[in-house]
Amino acid sequence: METPKNKILVPYDFTDITNCAVEHAIKFSKILNADIILLHIVKKEQQISEFKTRLSTVAEQFKNKNGILPISIVRDGTIFKTINQVVEDENCMLVVMGTHGMKGLQKLTGSWALKVIVGSTIPYIVIQAPPSNEKYEKIIFPVDYKTENKEQLKWVEFLSKFLKTKTYLFAAATKDGVIENRTKANLVFNKKFLDEKKLPYELALAEGKNSFSQETINFAKKIDADLILVMTTRDIAFHDYVLGAYEQYIISNSAKIPVMVINPRTDLMKYGYGSFG
């Protein structure tokens, strides 16, 4: 019996940035042997038929260009509920979503993206530009004091297995190079995990001169990183959206580096990851 293929979802609204998201999804689909689903969300059920035709035309264009025919889905609803509902219905393994960052009138877009992601049971890869490199090789793993840090490790293993990545553990530190005890404990745990799995990594320390989010972005620029991993804040509150949670700044980074956003849930590991040990 044929094994069902993995699926990657791309929320699609016919803009240039969502075309960029499809380009990223195509790269992942080839590596992960996954189908791509284009999801367009309309406000009224009466619009579904019209946009199904438009979306099918776009899917054919991607097939002609890349040799991959995406699946087209049109649903009525809102981005905050419908995207994750389709993720569950289609048993998707990954969402690739475009965002416009935090410039000018688009400032709220980063927080909207975060609100969508927080409701997800699978990772989102948030992009702001077309793929800049052929491969995803350099992955930034910011390490701070939060216990959720450890939950990213299985995704590091996943990325390393399929994408042959190298992980850069970027640890929060003071100007004097001091690492807070809880951050140090996370760092030791992460290094032990990567050593046991024989996964390639390097350790780098923040300079402590700016916010950890800004220093993470600066470091990513410095090494020309392909992807930044970030965990959402557990039990994130409304004021975090308004004031800008740490991960919101990472998602909307000025270098336009793709960001893999993971919710702090150990039951995410649905693809044979097993437990920590």
C-alpha atoms as a PDB file:
ATOM      1  CA  MET A   1       0.000   0.000   0.000  1.00  0.00           C
ATOM      2  CA  GLU A   2       1.290   3.459  -0.909  1.00  0.00           C
ATOM      3  CA  THR A   3       2.284   5.626   2.067  1.00  0.00           C
ATOM      4  CA  PRO A   4       0.484   9.006   2.153  1.00  0.00           C
ATOM      5  CA  LYS A   5       2.836  11.880   1.334  1.00  0.00           C
ATOM      6  CA  ASN A   6       3.677  14.618   3.790  1.00  0.00           C
ATOM      7  CA  LYS A   7       1.969  17.954   3.189  1.00  0.00           C
ATOM      8  CA  ILE A   8       3.209  21.532   3.403  1.00  0.00           C
ATOM      9  CA  LEU A   9       0.600  24.284   3.652  1.00  0.00           C
ATOM     10  CA  VAL A  10       1.068  27.749   2.134  1.00  0.00           C
ATOM     11  CA  PRO A  11      -1.548  30.421   2.976  1.00  0.00           C
ATOM     12  CA  TYR A  12      -1.925  32.149  -0.391  1.00  0.00           C
ATOM     13  CA  ASP A  13      -3.496  35.530  -1.215  1.00  0.00           C
ATOM     14  CA  PHE A  14      -2.165  36.161  -4.760  1.00  0.00           C
ATOM     15  CA  THR A  15       0.491  38.660  -3.562  1.00  0.00           C
ATOM     16  CA  ASP A  16       4.210  38.618  -4.364  1.00  0.00           C
ATOM     17  CA  ILE A  17       5.130  37.622  -0.811  1.00  0.00           C
ATOM     18  CA  THR A  18       2.939  34.522  -0.955  1.00  0.00           C
ATOM     19  CA  ASN A  19       4.576  33.622  -4.275  1.00  0.00           C
ATOM     20  CA  CYS A  20       7.893  33.788  -2.392  1.00  0.00           C
ATOM     21  CA  ALA A  21       6.433  31.496   0.264  1.00  0.00           C
ATOM     22  CA  VAL A  22       5.563  28.952  -2.430  1.00  0.00           C
ATOM     23  CA  GLU A  23       9.165  29.076  -3.696  1.00  0.00           C
ATOM     24  CA  HIS A  24      10.401  28.202  -0.203  1.00  0.00           C
ATOM     25  CA  ALA A  25       7.765  25.479   0.120  1.00  0.00           C
ATOM     26  CA  ILE A  26       8.893  23.945  -3.176  1.00  0.00           C
ATOM     27  CA  LYS A  27      12.440  23.652  -1.855  1.00  0.00           C
ATOM     28  CA  PHE A  28      11.212  21.922   1.296  1.00  0.00           C
ATOM     29  CA  SER A  29       8.821  19.694  -0.644  1.00  0.00           C
ATOM     30  CA  LYS A  30      11.618  18.279  -2.783  1.00  0.00           C
ATOM     31  CA  ILE A  31      13.692  17.440   0.284  1.00  0.00           C
ATOM     32  CA  LEU A  32      10.815  16.100   2.391  1.00  0.00           C
ATOM     33  CA  ASN A  33       8.939  14.423  -0.475  1.00  0.00           C
ATOM     34  CA  ALA A  34       5.873  16.456   0.417  1.00  0.00           C
ATOM     35  CA  ASP A  35       2.835  17.780  -1.424  1.00  0.00           C
ATOM     36  CA  ILE A  36       2.173  21.522  -1.338  1.00  0.00           C
ATOM     37  CA  ILE A  37      -1.265  22.883  -0.482  1.00  0.00           C
ATOM     38  CA  LEU A  38      -2.196  26.424  -1.471  1.00  0.00           C
ATOM     39  CA  LEU A  39      -4.880  27.748   0.868  1.00  0.00           C
ATOM     40  CA  HIS A  40      -6.857  30.854   0.016  1.00  0.00           C
ATOM     41  CA  ILE A  41      -9.340  32.184   2.574  1.00  0.00           C
ATOM     42  CA  VAL A  42     -12.395  34.187   1.533  1.00  0.00           C
ATOM     43  CA  LYS A  43     -14.846  36.148   3.660  1.00  0.00           C
ATOM     44  CA  LYS A  44     -18.023  34.729   2.138  1.00  0.00           C
ATOM     45  CA  GLU A  45     -18.953  31.211   1.050  1.00  0.00           C
ATOM     46  CA  GLN A  46     -20.311  32.620  -2.233  1.00  0.00           C
ATOM     47  CA  GLN A  47     -16.757  33.600  -3.225  1.00  0.00           C
ATOM     48  CA  ILE A  48     -15.355  30.065  -3.022  1.00  0.00           C
ATOM     49  CA  SER A  49     -16.170  28.994  -6.598  1.00  0.00           C
ATOM     50  CA  GLU A  50     -14.591  32.097  -8.170  1.00  0.00           C
ATOM     51  CA  PHE A  51     -11.376  31.790  -6.197  1.00  0.00           C
ATOM     52  CA  LYS A  52     -11.097  28.040  -6.760  1.00  0.00           C
ATOM     53  CA  THR A  53     -10.788  28.804 -10.467  1.00  0.00           C
ATOM     54  CA  ARG A  54      -8.197  31.529  -9.857  1.00  0.00           C
ATOM     55  CA  LEU A  55      -6.189  29.363  -7.483  1.00  0.00           C
ATOM     56  CA  SER A  56      -6.207  26.386  -9.865  1.00  0.00           C
ATOM     57  CA  THR A  57      -4.768  28.651 -12.564  1.00  0.00           C
ATOM     58  CA  VAL A  58      -1.969  29.728 -10.199  1.00  0.00           C
ATOM     59  CA  ALA A  59      -1.278  26.101  -9.297  1.00  0.00           C
ATOM     60  CA  GLU A  60      -0.884  25.236 -12.988  1.00  0.00           C
ATOM     61  CA  GLN A  61       1.574  28.118 -13.382  1.00  0.00           C
ATOM     62  CA  PHE A  62       3.712  26.766 -10.558  1.00  0.00           C
ATOM     63  CA  LYS A  63       3.580  23.317 -12.161  1.00  0.00           C
ATOM     64  CA  ASN A  64       4.782  24.719 -15.485  1.00  0.00           C
ATOM     65  CA  LYS A  65       7.606  26.580 -13.759  1.00  0.00           C
ATOM     66  CA  ASN A  66       8.739  24.021 -11.173  1.00  0.00           C
ATOM     67  CA  GLY A  67       7.239  20.691 -12.204  1.00  0.00           C
ATOM     68  CA  ILE A  68       5.189  20.484  -9.008  1.00  0.00           C
ATOM     69  CA  LEU A  69       1.403  20.859  -9.021  1.00  0.00           C
ATOM     70  CA  PRO A  70       0.169  22.249  -5.678  1.00  0.00           C
ATOM     71  CA  ILE A  71      -3.187  21.193  -4.267  1.00  0.00           C
ATOM     72  CA  SER A  72      -5.706  24.076  -4.243  1.00  0.00           C
ATOM     73  CA  ILE A  73      -8.046  24.677  -1.306  1.00  0.00           C
ATOM     74  CA  VAL A  74     -10.389  27.643  -0.839  1.00  0.00           C
ATOM     75  CA  ARG A  75     -12.250  28.072   2.450  1.00  0.00           C
ATOM     76  CA  ASP A  76     -14.358  30.819   3.968  1.00  0.00           C
ATOM     77  CA  GLY A  77     -13.256  32.022   7.381  1.00  0.00           C
ATOM     78  CA  THR A  78     -10.424  34.003   9.001  1.00  0.00           C
ATOM     79  CA  ILE A  79      -6.671  33.526   9.001  1.00  0.00           C
ATOM     80  CA  PHE A  80      -6.723  33.092  12.790  1.00  0.00           C
ATOM     81  CA  LYS A  81      -8.857  29.936  12.691  1.00  0.00           C
ATOM     82  CA  THR A  82      -9.037  28.592   9.152  1.00  0.00           C
ATOM     83  CA  ILE A  83      -5.317  28.065   8.514  1.00  0.00           C
ATOM     84  CA  ASN A  84      -4.866  25.832  11.538  1.00  0.00           C
ATOM     85  CA  GLN A  85      -8.158  24.069  10.864  1.00  0.00           C
ATOM     86  CA  VAL A  86      -6.900  23.079   7.410  1.00  0.00           C
ATOM     87  CA  VAL A  87      -3.584  22.026   8.986  1.00  0.00           C
ATOM     88  CA  GLU A  88      -5.528  19.573  11.145  1.00  0.00           C
ATOM     89  CA  ASP A  89      -7.889  18.440   8.372  1.00  0.00           C
ATOM     90  CA  GLU A  90      -5.044  17.714   5.959  1.00  0.00           C
ATOM     91  CA  ASN A  91      -2.562  16.493   8.601  1.00  0.00           C
ATOM     92  CA  CYS A  92       0.102  18.924   7.399  1.00  0.00           C
ATOM     93  CA  MET A  93       3.641  18.706   8.746  1.00  0.00           C
ATOM     94  CA  LEU A  94       4.687  22.305   8.094  1.00  0.00           C
ATOM     95  CA  VAL A  95       3.287  25.725   7.182  1.00  0.00           C
ATOM     96  CA  VAL A  96       5.269  28.202   5.078  1.00  0.00           C
ATOM     97  CA  MET A  97       3.829  31.692   5.429  1.00  0.00           C
ATOM     98  CA  GLY A  98       4.842  35.058   3.994  1.00  0.00           C
ATOM     99  CA  THR A  99       4.785  38.239   6.054  1.00  0.00           C
ATOM    100  CA  HIS A 100       5.667  41.850   5.318  1.00  0.00           C
ATOM    101  CA  GLY A 101       7.644  42.494   8.487  1.00  0.00           C
ATOM    102  CA  MET A 102       7.081  45.548  10.682  1.00  0.00           C
ATOM    103  CA  LYS A 103       7.639  48.494   8.356  1.00  0.00           C
ATOM    104  CA  GLY A 104       5.271  51.442   8.188  1.00  0.00           C
ATOM    105  CA  LEU A 105       1.655  50.483   7.702  1.00  0.00           C
ATOM    106  CA  GLN A 106       2.631  46.808   7.807  1.00  0.00           C
ATOM    107  CA  LYS A 107       3.735  47.044  11.449  1.00  0.00           C
ATOM    108  CA  LEU A 108       0.864  44.900  12.714  1.00  0.00           C
ATOM    109  CA  THR A 109       1.554  42.135  10.229  1.00  0.00           C
ATOM    110  CA  GLY A 110       4.191  40.589  12.466  1.00  0.00           C
ATOM    111  CA  SER A 111       1.757  40.376  15.370  1.00  0.00           C
ATOM    112  CA  TRP A 112      -0.975  38.955  13.138  1.00  0.00           C
ATOM    113  CA  ALA A 113       1.436  36.266  12.000  1.00  0.00           C
ATOM    114  CA  LEU A 114       2.261  35.483  15.617  1.00  0.00           C
ATOM    115  CA  LYS A 115      -1.411  35.187  16.570  1.00  0.00           C
ATOM    116  CA  VAL A 116      -1.944  32.662  13.778  1.00  0.00           C
ATOM    117  CA  ILE A 117       1.128  30.648  14.735  1.00  0.00           C
ATOM    118  CA  VAL A 118       0.330  30.449  18.456  1.00  0.00           C
ATOM    119  CA  GLY A 119      -2.754  28.367  17.637  1.00  0.00           C
ATOM    120  CA  SER A 120      -0.774  25.794  15.640  1.00  0.00           C
ATOM    121  CA  THR A 121       0.313  22.268  16.534  1.00  0.00           C
ATOM    122  CA  ILE A 122       3.066  22.236  13.873  1.00  0.00           C
ATOM    123  CA  PRO A 123       5.931  24.604  13.035  1.00  0.00           C
ATOM    124  CA  TYR A 124       5.567  27.619  10.785  1.00  0.00           C
ATOM    125  CA  ILE A 125       8.367  28.865   8.578  1.00  0.00           C
ATOM    126  CA  VAL A 126       7.813  32.601   8.162  1.00  0.00           C
ATOM    127  CA  ILE A 127       9.480  34.286   5.194  1.00  0.00           C
ATOM    128  CA  GLN A 128       9.808  37.871   3.959  1.00  0.00           C
ATOM    129  CA  ALA A 129      11.687  37.343   0.695  1.00  0.00           C
ATOM    130  CA  PRO A 130      12.447  34.711  -1.974  1.00  0.00           C
ATOM    131  CA  PRO A 131      14.981  31.977  -1.104  1.00  0.00           C
ATOM    132  CA  SER A 132      18.476  33.495  -1.190  1.00  0.00           C
ATOM    133  CA  ASN A 133      20.459  30.250  -1.059  1.00  0.00           C
ATOM    134  CA  GLU A 134      20.070  26.908  -2.768  1.00  0.00           C
ATOM    135  CA  LYS A 135      20.129  25.032   0.527  1.00  0.00           C
ATOM    136  CA  TYR A 136      19.203  25.581   4.179  1.00  0.00           C
ATOM    137  CA  GLU A 137      22.519  24.864   5.877  1.00  0.00           C
ATOM    138  CA  LYS A 138      23.129  27.326   8.721  1.00  0.00           C
ATOM    139  CA  ILE A 139      20.529  27.264  11.504  1.00  0.00           C
ATOM    140  CA  ILE A 140      20.537  29.714  14.428  1.00  0.00           C
ATOM    141  CA  PHE A 141      19.276  28.291  17.732  1.00  0.00           C
ATOM    142  CA  PRO A 142      18.974  31.173  20.271  1.00  0.00           C
ATOM    143  CA  VAL A 143      19.467  29.871  23.819  1.00  0.00           C
ATOM    144  CA  ASP A 144      18.141  31.792  26.820  1.00  0.00           C
ATOM    145  CA  TYR A 145      16.725  30.944  30.261  1.00  0.00           C
ATOM    146  CA  LYS A 146      13.341  29.574  29.155  1.00  0.00           C
ATOM    147  CA  THR A 147      12.612  25.897  29.737  1.00  0.00           C
ATOM    148  CA  GLU A 148      10.907  25.756  26.323  1.00  0.00           C
ATOM    149  CA  ASN A 149      14.370  25.922  24.721  1.00  0.00           C
ATOM    150  CA  LYS A 150      14.734  22.170  25.053  1.00  0.00           C
ATOM    151  CA  GLU A 151      11.614  21.483  23.012  1.00  0.00           C
ATOM    152  CA  GLN A 152      13.297  22.822  19.874  1.00  0.00           C
ATOM    153  CA  LEU A 153      15.927  20.094  19.898  1.00  0.00           C
ATOM    154  CA  LYS A 154      13.848  17.472  18.135  1.00  0.00           C
ATOM    155  CA  TRP A 155      13.229  19.938  15.318  1.00  0.00           C
ATOM    156  CA  VAL A 156      16.977  20.575  15.157  1.00  0.00           C
ATOM    157  CA  GLU A 157      17.414  16.823  14.743  1.00  0.00           C
ATOM    158  CA  PHE A 158      14.682  16.777  12.104  1.00  0.00           C
ATOM    159  CA  LEU A 159      16.270  19.610  10.101  1.00  0.00           C
ATOM    160  CA  SER A 160      19.724  18.101  10.364  1.00  0.00           C
ATOM    161  CA  LYS A 161      18.488  14.725   9.145  1.00  0.00           C
ATOM    162  CA  PHE A 162      16.710  16.044   6.066  1.00  0.00           C
ATOM    163  CA  LEU A 163      18.544  19.285   5.261  1.00  0.00           C
ATOM    164  CA  LYS A 164      22.078  18.385   6.459  1.00  0.00           C
ATOM    165  CA  THR A 165      22.203  21.556   8.549  1.00  0.00           C
ATOM    166  CA  LYS A 166      24.744  22.913  11.006  1.00  0.00           C
ATOM    167  CA  THR A 167      23.323  24.420  14.198  1.00  0.00           C
ATOM    168  CA  TYR A 168      24.707  27.560  15.825  1.00  0.00           C
ATOM    169  CA  LEU A 169      23.834  27.681  19.524  1.00  0.00           C
ATOM    170  CA  PHE A 170      23.652  31.421  20.193  1.00  0.00           C
ATOM    171  CA  ALA A 171      23.591  31.989  23.941  1.00  0.00           C
ATOM    172  CA  ALA A 172      22.359  35.074  25.773  1.00  0.00           C
ATOM    173  CA  ALA A 173      25.129  36.690  27.839  1.00  0.00           C
ATOM    174  CA  THR A 174      26.059  39.944  29.556  1.00  0.00           C
ATOM    175  CA  LYS A 175      28.598  42.489  28.280  1.00  0.00           C
ATOM    176  CA  ASP A 176      31.178  40.695  30.433  1.00  0.00           C
ATOM    177  CA  GLY A 177      30.438  37.351  28.806  1.00  0.00           C
ATOM    178  CA  VAL A 178      28.564  35.974  31.827  1.00  0.00           C
ATOM    179  CA  ILE A 179      25.836  33.421  31.131  1.00  0.00           C
ATOM    180  CA  GLU A 180      22.895  33.337  33.549  1.00  0.00           C
ATOM    181  CA  ASN A 181      22.582  30.001  35.388  1.00  0.00           C
ATOM    182  CA  ARG A 182      19.299  28.913  33.801  1.00  0.00           C
ATOM    183  CA  THR A 183      20.627  29.786  30.344  1.00  0.00           C
ATOM    184  CA  LYS A 184      23.802  27.858  31.139  1.00  0.00           C
ATOM    185  CA  ALA A 185      21.747  24.812  32.148  1.00  0.00           C
ATOM    186  CA  ASN A 186      19.842  24.953  28.851  1.00  0.00           C
ATOM    187  CA  LEU A 187      23.096  25.303  26.960  1.00  0.00           C
ATOM    188  CA  VAL A 188      24.614  22.266  28.672  1.00  0.00           C
ATOM    189  CA  PHE A 189      21.465  20.226  27.956  1.00  0.00           C
ATOM    190  CA  ASN A 190      21.440  21.299  24.288  1.00  0.00           C
ATOM    191  CA  LYS A 191      25.122  20.514  23.777  1.00  0.00           C
ATOM    192  CA  LYS A 192      24.726  17.088  25.358  1.00  0.00           C
ATOM    193  CA  PHE A 193      21.760  16.293  23.106  1.00  0.00           C
ATOM    194  CA  LEU A 194      23.606  17.387  19.953  1.00  0.00           C
ATOM    195  CA  ASP A 195      26.737  15.474  20.985  1.00  0.00           C
ATOM    196  CA  GLU A 196      24.762  12.296  21.618  1.00  0.00           C
ATOM    197  CA  LYS A 197      23.018  12.599  18.253  1.00  0.00           C
ATOM    198  CA  LYS A 198      26.340  13.445  16.568  1.00  0.00           C
ATOM    199  CA  LEU A 199      24.852  16.583  15.046  1.00  0.00           C
ATOM    200  CA  PRO A 200      27.255  19.348  13.929  1.00  0.00           C
ATOM    201  CA  TYR A 201      27.106  22.603  15.876  1.00  0.00           C
ATOM    202  CA  GLU A 202      29.045  25.642  17.033  1.00  0.00           C
ATOM    203  CA  LEU A 203      28.641  27.775  20.140  1.00  0.00           C
ATOM    204  CA  ALA A 204      28.561  31.577  20.039  1.00  0.00           C
ATOM    205  CA  LEU A 205      27.859  34.145  22.775  1.00  0.00           C
ATOM    206  CA  ALA A 206      25.845  37.341  22.515  1.00  0.00           C
ATOM    207  CA  GLU A 207      27.796  40.507  23.226  1.00  0.00           C
ATOM    208  CA  GLY A 208      25.205  41.810  25.692  1.00  0.00           C
ATOM    209  CA  LYS A 209      25.228  45.293  24.150  1.00  0.00           C
ATOM    210  CA  ASN A 210      21.714  45.175  22.685  1.00  0.00           C
ATOM    211  CA  SER A 211      18.518  43.198  23.212  1.00  0.00           C
ATOM    212  CA  PHE A 212      18.919  39.458  22.737  1.00  0.00           C
ATOM    213  CA  SER A 213      16.521  39.549  19.780  1.00  0.00           C
ATOM    214  CA  GLN A 214      18.603  42.228  18.035  1.00  0.00           C
ATOM    215  CA  GLU A 215      21.860  40.434  18.745  1.00  0.00           C
ATOM    216  CA  THR A 216      20.374  37.207  17.387  1.00  0.00           C
ATOM    217  CA  ILE A 217      19.496  38.997  14.163  1.00  0.00           C
ATOM    218  CA  ASN A 218      22.943  40.628  13.989  1.00  0.00           C
ATOM    219  CA  PHE A 219      24.638  37.266  14.422  1.00  0.00           C
ATOM    220  CA  ALA A 220      22.401  35.691  11.777  1.00  0.00           C
ATOM    221  CA  LYS A 221      23.413  38.428   9.350  1.00  0.00           C
ATOM    222  CA  LYS A 222      27.088  37.979  10.208  1.00  0.00           C
ATOM    223  CA  ILE A 223      27.189  34.284   9.332  1.00  0.00           C
ATOM    224  CA  ASP A 224      24.638  34.541   6.493  1.00  0.00           C
ATOM    225  CA  ALA A 225      22.240  32.172   8.254  1.00  0.00           C
ATOM    226  CA  ASP A 226      19.533  30.354   6.312  1.00  0.00           C
ATOM    227  CA  LEU A 227      17.041  29.895   9.147  1.00  0.00           C
ATOM    228  CA  ILE A 228      16.449  31.083  12.725  1.00  0.00           C
ATOM    229  CA  LEU A 229      14.622  28.841  15.191  1.00  0.00           C
ATOM    230  CA  VAL A 230      12.386  30.515  17.744  1.00  0.00           C
ATOM    231  CA  MET A 231       9.925  29.278  20.332  1.00  0.00           C
ATOM    232  CA  THR A 232       6.698  31.142  21.046  1.00  0.00           C
ATOM    233  CA  THR A 233       6.208  32.450  24.581  1.00  0.00           C
ATOM    234  CA  ARG A 234       4.228  29.982  26.659  1.00  0.00           C
ATOM    235  CA  ASP A 235       0.788  31.388  27.624  1.00  0.00           C
ATOM    236  CA  ILE A 236       1.454  34.502  25.550  1.00  0.00           C
ATOM    237  CA  ALA A 237      -0.740  37.435  26.644  1.00  0.00           C
ATOM    238  CA  PHE A 238      -2.494  40.147  24.656  1.00  0.00           C
ATOM    239  CA  HIS A 239       0.002  42.809  25.726  1.00  0.00           C
ATOM    240  CA  ASP A 240       2.783  40.735  24.154  1.00  0.00           C
ATOM    241  CA  TYR A 241       1.123  41.208  20.764  1.00  0.00           C
ATOM    242  CA  VAL A 242       0.722  44.939  21.332  1.00  0.00           C
ATOM    243  CA  LEU A 243       4.174  45.644  22.756  1.00  0.00           C
ATOM    244  CA  GLY A 244       5.993  43.061  20.657  1.00  0.00           C
ATOM    245  CA  ALA A 245       7.075  39.725  22.044  1.00  0.00           C
ATOM    246  CA  TYR A 246      10.685  38.625  21.511  1.00  0.00           C
ATOM    247  CA  GLU A 247       9.668  36.192  18.769  1.00  0.00           C
ATOM    248  CA  GLN A 248       7.693  38.894  16.956  1.00  0.00           C
ATOM    249  CA  TYR A 249      10.899  40.860  16.417  1.00  0.00           C
ATOM    250  CA  ILE A 250      12.697  37.737  15.237  1.00  0.00           C
ATOM    251  CA  ILE A 251       9.859  36.886  12.815  1.00  0.00           C
ATOM    252  CA  SER A 252      10.007  40.422  11.384  1.00  0.00           C
ATOM    253  CA  ASN A 253      13.815  40.610  11.300  1.00  0.00           C
ATOM    254  CA  SER A 254      15.336  43.311   9.097  1.00  0.00           C
ATOM    255  CA  ALA A 255      17.654  40.816   7.387  1.00  0.00           C
ATOM    256  CA  LYS A 256      14.578  38.967   6.060  1.00  0.00           C
ATOM    257  CA  ILE A 257      16.007  35.635   7.160  1.00  0.00           C
ATOM    258  CA  PRO A 258      13.389  32.845   7.290  1.00  0.00           C
ATOM    259  CA  VAL A 259      12.255  31.937  10.813  1.00  0.00           C
ATOM    260  CA  MET A 260      10.984  28.556  11.978  1.00  0.00           C
ATOM    261  CA  VAL A 261       8.477  29.221  14.757  1.00  0.00           C
ATOM    262  CA  ILE A 262       7.557  26.401  17.141  1.00  0.00           C
ATOM    263  CA  ASN A 263       4.957  26.362  19.875  1.00  0.00           C
ATOM    264  CA  PRO A 264       6.062  25.048  23.304  1.00  0.00           C
ATOM    265  CA  ARG A 265       4.244  21.707  23.176  1.00  0.00           C
ATOM    266  CA  THR A 266       6.028  18.418  23.602  1.00  0.00           C
ATOM    267  CA  ASP A 267       3.187  16.591  21.866  1.00  0.00           C
ATOM    268  CA  LEU A 268       4.227  18.226  18.594  1.00  0.00           C
ATOM    269  CA  MET A 269       6.532  15.309  17.931  1.00  0.00           C
ATOM    270  CA  LYS A 270       4.218  13.383  15.647  1.00  0.00           C
ATOM    271  CA  TYR A 271       6.711  12.163  13.084  1.00  0.00           C
ATOM    272  CA  GLY A 272       8.581   9.532  15.040  1.00  0.00           C
ATOM    273  CA  TYR A 273      10.775  11.812  17.146  1.00  0.00           C
ATOM    274  CA  GLY A 274      10.267   9.928  20.374  1.00  0.00           C
ATOM    275  CA  SER A 275      11.002  11.422  23.781  1.00  0.00           C
ATOM    276  CA  PHE A 276      14.055  13.188  25.138  1.00  0.00           C
ATOM    277  CA  GLY A 277      16.597  10.939  26.665  1.00  0.00           C
END
